[in-house]
Amino acid sequence: MKLHQIGGLGFDSNIYLIIDDVITLIDAGTGQNSKTVLQNLEKFGLKPRDINLLINTHCHFDHTGGDWNFLKAGCKIAIHESEAALLRNGDRRVTMAHFFGAYPEPVEVARELHDGDRIELGKSVLEVIHTPGHTQGSICLYESRLGALFSGDTVFYEGVGRTDLPTGDYRALAKSLKRLAEIKPKSLYPGHGPSAEDNAHELILSALELI
């Protein structure tokens, strides 16, 4: 698995590019900085039509607003089952699109994800871990061979995702963090901010102490 971070500009979430047999993006940003994202893709000789799968860690617009750019190029979209309808209906409130002054296009979800699903990309396999708290359908993705955790907005390098937005739940977030702590990942690739290569478990424990 070759991993690259190609997003994170302005309000955009981090966008992780995984190059394997199935070329995959984790999250897509707002779509408001698509020119830069596409330029970053081109550095690896890729265009939107080359992306096979786009996995959203949750429904918020800063992670899903860019989905349409890849959907129209033929990419399949995946998100947790509890939030698939929000994308299909172009929801503005729960996705926080109204905060950005955006009216999202309805997005067809090809794969509704469930806790424990395994997404086989080739040499790499991502396990879906349902981690409600930031939103009800938040997920993390874990590559056990590498000990790599893609944590969305569940946990960051320093801190956790807020729980005062629609479907947020403080107690659920605490339970999700405890579950992640039991996995003891090595590296952390969050939805915003810097990644951590070798102390992910310690960062999760610190987040637990924080809340």
N, C-alpha and C. Protein backbone atom coordinates (compact mmCIF):
# COMPACT_ATOMS: atom_id res chain seq x y z
N MET A 1 0.84 -1.20 0.00
CA MET A 1 0.00 0.00 0.00
C MET A 1 0.87 1.24 0.00
N LYS A 2 0.61 2.12 -0.95
CA LYS A 2 1.27 3.42 -0.98
C LYS A 2 0.26 4.47 -0.53
N LEU A 3 0.64 5.27 0.45
CA LEU A 3 -0.29 6.22 1.06
C LEU A 3 0.21 7.64 0.88
N HIS A 4 -0.69 8.51 0.47
CA HIS A 4 -0.35 9.93 0.29
C HIS A 4 -1.50 10.78 0.80
N GLN A 5 -1.16 11.94 1.37
CA GLN A 5 -2.16 12.90 1.82
C GLN A 5 -2.24 14.00 0.77
N ILE A 6 -3.42 14.16 0.14
CA ILE A 6 -3.51 15.08 -0.99
C ILE A 6 -4.50 16.22 -0.73
N GLY A 7 -4.98 16.38 0.49
CA GLY A 7 -5.97 17.42 0.78
C GLY A 7 -5.64 18.19 2.03
N GLY A 8 -6.69 18.77 2.64
CA GLY A 8 -6.51 19.50 3.89
C GLY A 8 -6.39 21.00 3.72
N LEU A 9 -6.69 21.52 2.54
CA LEU A 9 -6.56 22.96 2.30
C LEU A 9 -7.79 23.69 2.83
N GLY A 10 -7.60 24.81 3.54
CA GLY A 10 -8.72 25.57 4.06
C GLY A 10 -9.55 24.75 5.03
N PHE A 11 -10.87 24.68 4.79
CA PHE A 11 -11.76 23.91 5.65
C PHE A 11 -11.82 22.44 5.25
N ASP A 12 -11.12 22.06 4.20
CA ASP A 12 -11.17 20.66 3.74
C ASP A 12 -10.64 19.71 4.80
N SER A 13 -11.24 18.54 4.83
CA SER A 13 -10.65 17.44 5.59
C SER A 13 -9.35 17.01 4.91
N ASN A 14 -8.55 16.27 5.61
CA ASN A 14 -7.46 15.55 4.97
C ASN A 14 -8.06 14.56 3.96
N ILE A 15 -7.36 14.35 2.88
CA ILE A 15 -7.79 13.39 1.86
C ILE A 15 -6.64 12.41 1.66
N TYR A 16 -6.90 11.16 1.95
CA TYR A 16 -5.84 10.15 1.86
C TYR A 16 -6.02 9.33 0.58
N LEU A 17 -4.96 9.25 -0.17
CA LEU A 17 -4.91 8.46 -1.40
C LEU A 17 -4.17 7.16 -1.11
N ILE A 18 -4.84 6.06 -1.35
CA ILE A 18 -4.21 4.74 -1.20
C ILE A 18 -4.07 4.13 -2.59
N ILE A 19 -2.83 3.87 -2.97
CA ILE A 19 -2.56 3.26 -4.27
C ILE A 19 -2.30 1.78 -4.05
N ASP A 20 -3.23 0.97 -4.52
CA ASP A 20 -3.17 -0.48 -4.42
C ASP A 20 -3.91 -1.01 -5.65
N ASP A 21 -4.29 -2.27 -5.64
CA ASP A 21 -5.04 -2.79 -6.78
C ASP A 21 -6.33 -1.99 -6.98
N VAL A 22 -6.97 -1.66 -5.88
CA VAL A 22 -8.14 -0.77 -5.90
C VAL A 22 -7.67 0.60 -5.42
N ILE A 23 -7.62 1.57 -6.31
CA ILE A 23 -7.15 2.91 -5.96
C ILE A 23 -8.27 3.62 -5.20
N THR A 24 -7.94 4.08 -4.00
CA THR A 24 -8.96 4.50 -3.04
C THR A 24 -8.64 5.87 -2.46
N LEU A 25 -9.69 6.65 -2.23
CA LEU A 25 -9.59 7.87 -1.44
C LEU A 25 -10.35 7.67 -0.14
N ILE A 26 -9.79 8.20 0.93
CA ILE A 26 -10.52 8.30 2.19
C ILE A 26 -10.85 9.76 2.40
N ASP A 27 -12.13 10.07 2.27
CA ASP A 27 -12.69 11.43 2.35
C ASP A 27 -12.32 12.25 1.12
N ALA A 28 -13.09 13.35 0.91
CA ALA A 28 -12.95 14.11 -0.33
C ALA A 28 -12.92 15.61 -0.13
N GLY A 29 -12.89 16.08 1.13
CA GLY A 29 -12.90 17.52 1.36
C GLY A 29 -14.22 18.15 0.95
N THR A 30 -14.26 19.47 0.94
CA THR A 30 -15.48 20.20 0.60
C THR A 30 -15.78 20.22 -0.90
N GLY A 31 -14.76 19.98 -1.69
CA GLY A 31 -14.90 20.16 -3.12
C GLY A 31 -14.64 21.58 -3.56
N GLN A 32 -14.46 22.49 -2.60
CA GLN A 32 -14.24 23.90 -2.91
C GLN A 32 -12.79 24.20 -3.26
N ASN A 33 -11.93 23.21 -3.08
CA ASN A 33 -10.52 23.33 -3.46
C ASN A 33 -10.15 22.21 -4.43
N SER A 34 -11.11 21.87 -5.30
CA SER A 34 -10.93 20.71 -6.16
C SER A 34 -9.76 20.87 -7.12
N LYS A 35 -9.48 22.08 -7.56
CA LYS A 35 -8.37 22.28 -8.49
C LYS A 35 -7.05 21.81 -7.87
N THR A 36 -6.82 22.18 -6.61
CA THR A 36 -5.59 21.77 -5.94
C THR A 36 -5.57 20.26 -5.72
N VAL A 37 -6.71 19.69 -5.32
CA VAL A 37 -6.78 18.24 -5.10
C VAL A 37 -6.47 17.49 -6.40
N LEU A 38 -7.03 17.95 -7.51
CA LEU A 38 -6.78 17.30 -8.80
C LEU A 38 -5.32 17.44 -9.22
N GLN A 39 -4.73 18.60 -8.93
CA GLN A 39 -3.31 18.79 -9.23
C GLN A 39 -2.46 17.82 -8.41
N ASN A 40 -2.84 17.62 -7.17
CA ASN A 40 -2.10 16.69 -6.31
C ASN A 40 -2.25 15.26 -6.81
N LEU A 41 -3.43 14.91 -7.30
CA LEU A 41 -3.62 13.58 -7.89
C LEU A 41 -2.72 13.39 -9.10
N GLU A 42 -2.62 14.42 -9.91
CA GLU A 42 -1.84 14.33 -11.14
C GLU A 42 -0.36 14.10 -10.87
N LYS A 43 0.11 14.46 -9.68
CA LYS A 43 1.51 14.20 -9.32
C LYS A 43 1.81 12.71 -9.32
N PHE A 44 0.75 11.90 -9.15
CA PHE A 44 0.92 10.44 -9.14
C PHE A 44 0.38 9.83 -10.42
N GLY A 45 0.19 10.68 -11.43
CA GLY A 45 -0.29 10.19 -12.72
C GLY A 45 -1.73 9.75 -12.73
N LEU A 46 -2.53 10.33 -11.83
CA LEU A 46 -3.92 9.89 -11.67
C LEU A 46 -4.89 11.02 -11.98
N LYS A 47 -6.06 10.64 -12.49
CA LYS A 47 -7.18 11.54 -12.71
C LYS A 47 -8.39 10.99 -11.94
N PRO A 48 -9.45 11.78 -11.77
CA PRO A 48 -10.63 11.28 -11.04
C PRO A 48 -11.16 9.94 -11.56
N ARG A 49 -11.08 9.73 -12.88
CA ARG A 49 -11.59 8.47 -13.43
C ARG A 49 -10.77 7.26 -12.99
N ASP A 50 -9.57 7.49 -12.45
CA ASP A 50 -8.73 6.39 -12.00
C ASP A 50 -9.03 5.96 -10.58
N ILE A 51 -9.81 6.76 -9.85
CA ILE A 51 -10.15 6.42 -8.47
C ILE A 51 -11.31 5.43 -8.49
N ASN A 52 -11.10 4.27 -7.91
CA ASN A 52 -12.11 3.22 -7.92
C ASN A 52 -13.12 3.35 -6.78
N LEU A 53 -12.64 3.80 -5.62
CA LEU A 53 -13.48 3.79 -4.42
C LEU A 53 -13.17 5.02 -3.58
N LEU A 54 -14.23 5.66 -3.07
CA LEU A 54 -14.09 6.79 -2.15
C LEU A 54 -14.86 6.44 -0.88
N ILE A 55 -14.13 6.35 0.23
CA ILE A 55 -14.75 6.00 1.51
C ILE A 55 -14.86 7.26 2.37
N ASN A 56 -16.08 7.60 2.75
CA ASN A 56 -16.29 8.73 3.66
C ASN A 56 -16.29 8.25 5.10
N THR A 57 -15.50 8.91 5.94
CA THR A 57 -15.47 8.53 7.36
C THR A 57 -16.71 8.99 8.11
N HIS A 58 -17.40 10.00 7.59
CA HIS A 58 -18.70 10.42 8.11
C HIS A 58 -19.30 11.43 7.14
N CYS A 59 -20.48 11.92 7.47
CA CYS A 59 -21.29 12.65 6.49
C CYS A 59 -20.97 14.13 6.36
N HIS A 60 -20.18 14.73 7.24
CA HIS A 60 -20.00 16.18 7.23
C HIS A 60 -19.45 16.68 5.90
N PHE A 61 -19.93 17.86 5.51
CA PHE A 61 -19.62 18.41 4.20
C PHE A 61 -18.14 18.62 3.96
N ASP A 62 -17.38 18.91 5.01
CA ASP A 62 -15.93 19.11 4.82
C ASP A 62 -15.22 17.82 4.48
N HIS A 63 -15.94 16.69 4.58
CA HIS A 63 -15.40 15.38 4.18
C HIS A 63 -16.07 14.84 2.91
N THR A 64 -17.31 15.26 2.66
CA THR A 64 -18.10 14.64 1.58
C THR A 64 -18.44 15.60 0.44
N GLY A 65 -18.22 16.90 0.61
CA GLY A 65 -18.60 17.85 -0.43
C GLY A 65 -17.92 17.60 -1.76
N GLY A 66 -16.73 17.01 -1.72
CA GLY A 66 -16.00 16.72 -2.96
C GLY A 66 -16.36 15.40 -3.60
N ASP A 67 -17.30 14.65 -3.00
CA ASP A 67 -17.65 13.33 -3.54
C ASP A 67 -18.10 13.42 -5.00
N TRP A 68 -18.89 14.44 -5.31
CA TRP A 68 -19.49 14.54 -6.65
C TRP A 68 -18.44 14.58 -7.74
N ASN A 69 -17.31 15.22 -7.47
CA ASN A 69 -16.25 15.32 -8.48
C ASN A 69 -15.75 13.94 -8.91
N PHE A 70 -15.80 12.99 -7.98
CA PHE A 70 -15.32 11.64 -8.29
C PHE A 70 -16.45 10.72 -8.73
N LEU A 71 -17.64 10.94 -8.17
CA LEU A 71 -18.80 10.15 -8.57
C LEU A 71 -19.06 10.31 -10.06
N LYS A 72 -19.03 11.53 -10.55
CA LYS A 72 -19.34 11.77 -11.96
C LYS A 72 -18.27 11.19 -12.89
N ALA A 73 -17.09 10.88 -12.33
CA ALA A 73 -16.02 10.26 -13.12
C ALA A 73 -16.09 8.73 -13.05
N GLY A 74 -17.08 8.20 -12.31
CA GLY A 74 -17.27 6.75 -12.25
C GLY A 74 -16.85 6.08 -10.96
N CYS A 75 -16.41 6.87 -9.97
CA CYS A 75 -15.96 6.32 -8.70
C CYS A 75 -17.15 5.86 -7.87
N LYS A 76 -16.98 4.78 -7.12
CA LYS A 76 -18.01 4.29 -6.20
C LYS A 76 -17.81 4.93 -4.83
N ILE A 77 -18.93 5.32 -4.21
CA ILE A 77 -18.92 6.00 -2.93
C ILE A 77 -19.36 5.04 -1.84
N ALA A 78 -18.67 5.09 -0.69
CA ALA A 78 -19.03 4.26 0.46
C ALA A 78 -19.11 5.12 1.71
N ILE A 79 -20.08 4.79 2.58
CA ILE A 79 -20.25 5.48 3.86
C ILE A 79 -21.02 4.54 4.78
N HIS A 80 -20.99 4.79 6.08
CA HIS A 80 -21.73 3.95 7.02
C HIS A 80 -23.22 3.95 6.68
N GLU A 81 -23.84 2.82 6.91
CA GLU A 81 -25.24 2.63 6.55
C GLU A 81 -26.17 3.69 7.15
N SER A 82 -25.86 4.18 8.35
CA SER A 82 -26.75 5.12 9.03
C SER A 82 -26.71 6.52 8.42
N GLU A 83 -25.73 6.79 7.54
CA GLU A 83 -25.62 8.13 6.95
C GLU A 83 -25.74 8.13 5.43
N ALA A 84 -25.97 6.96 4.85
CA ALA A 84 -26.07 6.87 3.39
C ALA A 84 -27.22 7.73 2.85
N ALA A 85 -28.35 7.73 3.54
CA ALA A 85 -29.51 8.49 3.06
C ALA A 85 -29.25 9.99 3.05
N LEU A 86 -28.40 10.47 3.95
CA LEU A 86 -28.08 11.89 3.99
C LEU A 86 -27.39 12.33 2.70
N LEU A 87 -26.50 11.49 2.18
CA LEU A 87 -25.82 11.81 0.92
C LEU A 87 -26.78 11.68 -0.25
N ARG A 88 -27.58 10.63 -0.22
CA ARG A 88 -28.51 10.41 -1.33
C ARG A 88 -29.54 11.53 -1.44
N ASN A 89 -29.90 12.12 -0.30
CA ASN A 89 -30.92 13.17 -0.29
C ASN A 89 -30.35 14.57 -0.38
N GLY A 90 -29.04 14.71 -0.43
CA GLY A 90 -28.44 16.04 -0.48
C GLY A 90 -28.73 16.85 0.78
N ASP A 91 -28.71 16.20 1.93
CA ASP A 91 -29.02 16.87 3.20
C ASP A 91 -28.08 18.05 3.45
N ARG A 92 -28.63 19.15 3.94
CA ARG A 92 -27.82 20.33 4.27
C ARG A 92 -27.59 20.48 5.77
N ARG A 93 -28.56 20.07 6.59
CA ARG A 93 -28.49 20.37 8.02
C ARG A 93 -27.55 19.41 8.76
N VAL A 94 -27.83 18.11 8.67
CA VAL A 94 -27.03 17.15 9.42
C VAL A 94 -25.60 17.09 8.89
N THR A 95 -25.44 17.28 7.58
CA THR A 95 -24.10 17.27 6.99
C THR A 95 -23.34 18.57 7.22
N MET A 96 -24.02 19.57 7.77
CA MET A 96 -23.43 20.89 8.02
C MET A 96 -23.08 21.63 6.73
N ALA A 97 -23.68 21.24 5.62
CA ALA A 97 -23.41 21.93 4.35
C ALA A 97 -23.85 23.39 4.42
N HIS A 98 -24.92 23.67 5.20
CA HIS A 98 -25.40 25.05 5.31
C HIS A 98 -24.35 25.96 5.92
N PHE A 99 -23.49 25.41 6.76
CA PHE A 99 -22.42 26.19 7.38
C PHE A 99 -21.47 26.75 6.30
N PHE A 100 -21.35 26.02 5.20
CA PHE A 100 -20.46 26.43 4.10
C PHE A 100 -21.23 27.16 3.00
N GLY A 101 -22.52 27.40 3.22
CA GLY A 101 -23.34 28.03 2.20
C GLY A 101 -23.53 27.14 0.99
N ALA A 102 -23.46 25.83 1.18
CA ALA A 102 -23.48 24.89 0.07
C ALA A 102 -24.82 24.16 -0.03
N TYR A 103 -25.16 23.77 -1.24
CA TYR A 103 -26.33 22.95 -1.53
C TYR A 103 -25.83 21.69 -2.22
N PRO A 104 -25.57 20.64 -1.45
CA PRO A 104 -24.92 19.46 -2.04
C PRO A 104 -25.80 18.76 -3.07
N GLU A 105 -25.16 18.30 -4.13
CA GLU A 105 -25.83 17.44 -5.10
C GLU A 105 -26.08 16.08 -4.45
N PRO A 106 -27.24 15.46 -4.72
CA PRO A 106 -27.44 14.09 -4.23
C PRO A 106 -26.35 13.16 -4.75
N VAL A 107 -25.86 12.34 -3.88
CA VAL A 107 -24.76 11.42 -4.22
C VAL A 107 -25.24 9.99 -4.06
N GLU A 108 -25.09 9.19 -5.09
CA GLU A 108 -25.47 7.79 -4.99
C GLU A 108 -24.40 7.02 -4.21
N VAL A 109 -24.83 6.33 -3.19
CA VAL A 109 -23.92 5.52 -2.38
C VAL A 109 -23.95 4.09 -2.90
N ALA A 110 -22.80 3.61 -3.33
CA ALA A 110 -22.72 2.26 -3.90
C ALA A 110 -22.57 1.19 -2.82
N ARG A 111 -21.96 1.57 -1.70
CA ARG A 111 -21.73 0.58 -0.65
C ARG A 111 -22.02 1.17 0.72
N GLU A 112 -22.97 0.59 1.42
CA GLU A 112 -23.27 0.98 2.79
C GLU A 112 -22.43 0.11 3.72
N LEU A 113 -21.65 0.76 4.54
CA LEU A 113 -20.69 0.05 5.38
C LEU A 113 -21.28 -0.29 6.74
N HIS A 114 -20.78 -1.39 7.31
CA HIS A 114 -21.21 -1.87 8.61
C HIS A 114 -19.98 -2.16 9.47
N ASP A 115 -20.16 -2.11 10.75
CA ASP A 115 -19.07 -2.45 11.67
C ASP A 115 -18.55 -3.85 11.36
N GLY A 116 -17.24 -3.97 11.23
CA GLY A 116 -16.63 -5.27 10.98
C GLY A 116 -16.44 -5.60 9.51
N ASP A 117 -16.99 -4.78 8.62
CA ASP A 117 -16.75 -5.01 7.18
C ASP A 117 -15.26 -4.96 6.87
N ARG A 118 -14.87 -5.74 5.89
CA ARG A 118 -13.49 -5.73 5.42
C ARG A 118 -13.49 -5.25 3.96
N ILE A 119 -12.71 -4.22 3.70
CA ILE A 119 -12.63 -3.65 2.37
C ILE A 119 -11.27 -4.04 1.79
N GLU A 120 -11.29 -4.96 0.85
CA GLU A 120 -10.05 -5.49 0.28
C GLU A 120 -9.62 -4.63 -0.89
N LEU A 121 -8.44 -4.06 -0.77
CA LEU A 121 -7.91 -3.16 -1.80
C LEU A 121 -6.79 -3.79 -2.61
N GLY A 122 -6.36 -4.96 -2.22
CA GLY A 122 -5.21 -5.63 -2.84
C GLY A 122 -4.37 -6.20 -1.72
N LYS A 123 -3.15 -5.71 -1.58
CA LYS A 123 -2.31 -6.13 -0.46
C LYS A 123 -2.84 -5.59 0.86
N SER A 124 -3.52 -4.47 0.80
CA SER A 124 -4.05 -3.85 2.01
C SER A 124 -5.54 -4.16 2.17
N VAL A 125 -5.94 -4.33 3.42
CA VAL A 125 -7.34 -4.58 3.77
C VAL A 125 -7.74 -3.61 4.87
N LEU A 126 -8.81 -2.87 4.67
CA LEU A 126 -9.29 -1.92 5.66
C LEU A 126 -10.47 -2.53 6.41
N GLU A 127 -10.36 -2.58 7.73
CA GLU A 127 -11.47 -3.02 8.56
C GLU A 127 -12.28 -1.81 9.00
N VAL A 128 -13.59 -1.89 8.84
CA VAL A 128 -14.48 -0.82 9.24
C VAL A 128 -14.79 -0.94 10.73
N ILE A 129 -14.52 0.14 11.46
CA ILE A 129 -14.84 0.18 12.89
C ILE A 129 -15.84 1.31 13.09
N HIS A 130 -17.04 0.97 13.49
CA HIS A 130 -18.07 1.98 13.74
C HIS A 130 -17.74 2.71 15.03
N THR A 131 -17.52 4.02 14.95
CA THR A 131 -17.10 4.81 16.11
C THR A 131 -18.00 6.02 16.27
N PRO A 132 -19.27 5.81 16.66
CA PRO A 132 -20.18 6.95 16.83
C PRO A 132 -19.68 7.88 17.93
N GLY A 133 -20.13 9.13 17.83
CA GLY A 133 -19.73 10.13 18.81
C GLY A 133 -19.67 11.49 18.16
N HIS A 134 -18.78 11.66 17.20
CA HIS A 134 -18.74 12.90 16.43
C HIS A 134 -20.01 13.01 15.59
N THR A 135 -20.38 11.93 14.92
CA THR A 135 -21.69 11.75 14.31
C THR A 135 -22.10 10.30 14.57
N GLN A 136 -23.38 10.01 14.34
CA GLN A 136 -23.85 8.66 14.62
C GLN A 136 -23.25 7.61 13.69
N GLY A 137 -22.84 8.04 12.49
CA GLY A 137 -22.30 7.09 11.52
C GLY A 137 -20.81 7.20 11.31
N SER A 138 -20.11 7.84 12.22
CA SER A 138 -18.65 7.96 12.08
C SER A 138 -18.00 6.58 12.08
N ILE A 139 -17.01 6.44 11.22
CA ILE A 139 -16.24 5.20 11.20
C ILE A 139 -14.75 5.52 11.21
N CYS A 140 -13.98 4.54 11.67
CA CYS A 140 -12.53 4.52 11.48
C CYS A 140 -12.21 3.34 10.59
N LEU A 141 -11.07 3.39 9.94
CA LEU A 141 -10.63 2.32 9.06
C LEU A 141 -9.26 1.85 9.53
N TYR A 142 -9.13 0.55 9.74
CA TYR A 142 -7.90 0.02 10.33
C TYR A 142 -7.25 -0.99 9.39
N GLU A 143 -5.97 -0.72 9.09
CA GLU A 143 -5.16 -1.65 8.30
C GLU A 143 -4.25 -2.38 9.29
N SER A 144 -4.64 -3.59 9.68
CA SER A 144 -3.98 -4.28 10.79
C SER A 144 -2.55 -4.68 10.46
N ARG A 145 -2.27 -4.99 9.20
CA ARG A 145 -0.91 -5.41 8.84
C ARG A 145 0.10 -4.31 9.13
N LEU A 146 -0.32 -3.06 8.92
CA LEU A 146 0.56 -1.92 9.15
C LEU A 146 0.29 -1.23 10.48
N GLY A 147 -0.80 -1.60 11.13
CA GLY A 147 -1.17 -0.92 12.36
C GLY A 147 -1.62 0.51 12.12
N ALA A 148 -2.19 0.77 10.93
CA ALA A 148 -2.55 2.13 10.53
C ALA A 148 -4.03 2.37 10.75
N LEU A 149 -4.35 3.44 11.47
CA LEU A 149 -5.74 3.80 11.76
C LEU A 149 -6.09 5.12 11.08
N PHE A 150 -7.09 5.08 10.20
CA PHE A 150 -7.65 6.29 9.61
C PHE A 150 -8.85 6.67 10.47
N SER A 151 -8.72 7.76 11.22
CA SER A 151 -9.64 8.00 12.33
C SER A 151 -10.73 9.03 12.06
N GLY A 152 -10.77 9.60 10.84
CA GLY A 152 -11.79 10.61 10.59
C GLY A 152 -11.72 11.71 11.64
N ASP A 153 -12.89 12.11 12.15
CA ASP A 153 -12.93 13.14 13.19
C ASP A 153 -13.20 12.54 14.56
N THR A 154 -12.95 11.26 14.72
CA THR A 154 -13.12 10.63 16.03
C THR A 154 -11.99 11.04 16.96
N VAL A 155 -10.77 11.00 16.47
CA VAL A 155 -9.62 11.40 17.30
C VAL A 155 -8.56 12.01 16.40
N PHE A 156 -7.94 13.08 16.89
CA PHE A 156 -6.91 13.80 16.16
C PHE A 156 -5.55 13.60 16.84
N TYR A 157 -4.54 14.21 16.26
CA TYR A 157 -3.21 14.17 16.88
C TYR A 157 -3.27 14.73 18.29
N GLU A 158 -4.04 15.78 18.47
CA GLU A 158 -4.27 16.34 19.80
C GLU A 158 -5.75 16.67 19.92
N GLY A 159 -6.50 15.80 20.57
CA GLY A 159 -7.90 16.08 20.81
C GLY A 159 -8.84 15.15 20.06
N VAL A 160 -10.12 15.51 20.13
CA VAL A 160 -11.19 14.68 19.56
C VAL A 160 -12.16 15.57 18.78
N GLY A 161 -13.01 14.92 18.00
CA GLY A 161 -14.03 15.66 17.27
C GLY A 161 -15.11 16.17 18.20
N ARG A 162 -15.70 17.29 17.87
CA ARG A 162 -16.73 17.89 18.70
C ARG A 162 -18.00 17.04 18.66
N THR A 163 -18.79 17.15 19.71
CA THR A 163 -20.00 16.33 19.82
C THR A 163 -21.26 17.18 19.93
N ASP A 164 -21.15 18.49 19.68
CA ASP A 164 -22.31 19.38 19.82
C ASP A 164 -22.99 19.68 18.49
N LEU A 165 -22.68 18.92 17.46
CA LEU A 165 -23.32 19.05 16.16
C LEU A 165 -24.38 17.96 16.01
N PRO A 166 -25.25 18.05 15.01
CA PRO A 166 -26.31 17.04 14.85
C PRO A 166 -25.80 15.61 14.91
N THR A 167 -26.46 14.79 15.68
CA THR A 167 -26.21 13.36 15.96
C THR A 167 -24.94 13.13 16.76
N GLY A 168 -24.28 14.18 17.26
CA GLY A 168 -23.12 14.00 18.12
C GLY A 168 -23.53 13.45 19.48
N ASP A 169 -22.63 12.72 20.13
CA ASP A 169 -22.95 12.08 21.40
C ASP A 169 -21.66 11.90 22.19
N TYR A 170 -21.53 12.66 23.26
CA TYR A 170 -20.31 12.66 24.07
C TYR A 170 -20.01 11.29 24.66
N ARG A 171 -21.03 10.64 25.20
CA ARG A 171 -20.83 9.31 25.83
C ARG A 171 -20.45 8.27 24.79
N ALA A 172 -21.07 8.36 23.62
CA ALA A 172 -20.74 7.41 22.54
C ALA A 172 -19.30 7.59 22.10
N LEU A 173 -18.84 8.84 22.07
CA LEU A 173 -17.45 9.09 21.67
C LEU A 173 -16.48 8.46 22.66
N ALA A 174 -16.77 8.58 23.94
CA ALA A 174 -15.91 7.97 24.96
C ALA A 174 -15.82 6.46 24.76
N LYS A 175 -16.94 5.82 24.48
CA LYS A 175 -16.95 4.37 24.24
C LYS A 175 -16.15 4.03 22.98
N SER A 176 -16.27 4.86 21.97
CA SER A 176 -15.53 4.62 20.73
C SER A 176 -14.03 4.72 20.96
N LEU A 177 -13.61 5.72 21.74
CA LEU A 177 -12.18 5.87 22.03
C LEU A 177 -11.64 4.68 22.83
N LYS A 178 -12.43 4.19 23.76
CA LYS A 178 -12.01 3.02 24.53
C LYS A 178 -11.81 1.82 23.60
N ARG A 179 -12.70 1.69 22.64
CA ARG A 179 -12.56 0.58 21.70
C ARG A 179 -11.30 0.72 20.86
N LEU A 180 -11.02 1.94 20.39
CA LEU A 180 -9.80 2.16 19.61
C LEU A 180 -8.55 1.91 20.45
N ALA A 181 -8.60 2.29 21.72
CA ALA A 181 -7.46 2.07 22.59
C ALA A 181 -7.14 0.59 22.73
N GLU A 182 -8.16 -0.25 22.71
CA GLU A 182 -7.95 -1.70 22.83
C GLU A 182 -7.26 -2.27 21.60
N ILE A 183 -7.43 -1.62 20.46
CA ILE A 183 -6.80 -2.10 19.22
C ILE A 183 -5.29 -1.83 19.22
N LYS A 184 -4.90 -0.75 19.89
CA LYS A 184 -3.49 -0.35 19.98
C LYS A 184 -2.85 -0.13 18.61
N PRO A 185 -3.40 0.78 17.82
CA PRO A 185 -2.79 1.05 16.51
C PRO A 185 -1.42 1.70 16.66
N LYS A 186 -0.62 1.58 15.63
CA LYS A 186 0.71 2.17 15.62
C LYS A 186 0.68 3.59 15.07
N SER A 187 0.04 3.77 13.92
CA SER A 187 0.04 5.08 13.26
C SER A 187 -1.38 5.61 13.15
N LEU A 188 -1.50 6.94 13.15
CA LEU A 188 -2.80 7.61 13.16
C LEU A 188 -2.87 8.59 11.99
N TYR A 189 -3.94 8.46 11.20
CA TYR A 189 -4.17 9.36 10.07
C TYR A 189 -5.56 9.98 10.25
N PRO A 190 -5.61 11.14 10.90
CA PRO A 190 -6.90 11.74 11.26
C PRO A 190 -7.51 12.55 10.12
N GLY A 191 -8.75 12.98 10.34
CA GLY A 191 -9.47 13.75 9.35
C GLY A 191 -8.99 15.17 9.19
N HIS A 192 -8.30 15.69 10.19
CA HIS A 192 -7.72 17.03 10.13
C HIS A 192 -6.41 17.03 10.90
N GLY A 193 -5.51 17.91 10.51
CA GLY A 193 -4.27 18.07 11.25
C GLY A 193 -3.24 17.01 10.91
N PRO A 194 -2.14 17.01 11.68
CA PRO A 194 -1.02 16.12 11.37
C PRO A 194 -1.30 14.67 11.70
N SER A 195 -0.57 13.80 11.05
CA SER A 195 -0.62 12.37 11.34
C SER A 195 0.45 12.02 12.36
N ALA A 196 0.40 10.79 12.84
CA ALA A 196 1.40 10.29 13.80
C ALA A 196 1.84 8.91 13.33
N GLU A 197 3.13 8.72 13.21
CA GLU A 197 3.64 7.49 12.62
C GLU A 197 3.85 6.34 13.60
N ASP A 198 4.09 6.64 14.87
CA ASP A 198 4.45 5.54 15.76
C ASP A 198 3.91 5.66 17.19
N ASN A 199 3.00 6.60 17.46
CA ASN A 199 2.50 6.73 18.83
C ASN A 199 0.99 6.91 18.87
N ALA A 200 0.29 6.27 17.93
CA ALA A 200 -1.16 6.43 17.86
C ALA A 200 -1.85 5.98 19.14
N HIS A 201 -1.41 4.86 19.70
CA HIS A 201 -2.06 4.34 20.91
C HIS A 201 -1.97 5.34 22.05
N GLU A 202 -0.80 5.95 22.21
CA GLU A 202 -0.62 6.93 23.28
C GLU A 202 -1.51 8.15 23.06
N LEU A 203 -1.69 8.56 21.81
CA LEU A 203 -2.54 9.71 21.51
C LEU A 203 -4.00 9.42 21.83
N ILE A 204 -4.42 8.19 21.57
CA ILE A 204 -5.80 7.82 21.88
C ILE A 204 -6.01 7.79 23.40
N LEU A 205 -5.04 7.29 24.13
CA LEU A 205 -5.15 7.29 25.59
C LEU A 205 -5.20 8.71 26.13
N SER A 206 -4.42 9.60 25.53
CA SER A 206 -4.44 11.01 25.95
C SER A 206 -5.80 11.63 25.66
N ALA A 207 -6.41 11.27 24.54
CA ALA A 207 -7.73 11.78 24.20
C ALA A 207 -8.77 11.30 25.20
N LEU A 208 -8.63 10.06 25.62
CA LEU A 208 -9.55 9.53 26.64
C LEU A 208 -9.43 10.31 27.95
N GLU A 209 -8.23 10.63 28.34
CA GLU A 209 -8.04 11.42 29.55
C GLU A 209 -8.64 12.81 29.40
N LEU A 210 -8.55 13.36 28.19
CA LEU A 210 -9.06 14.70 27.93
C LEU A 210 -10.56 14.79 28.13
N ILE A 211 -11.27 13.76 27.70
CA ILE A 211 -12.73 13.83 27.77
C ILE A 211 -13.29 13.16 29.03
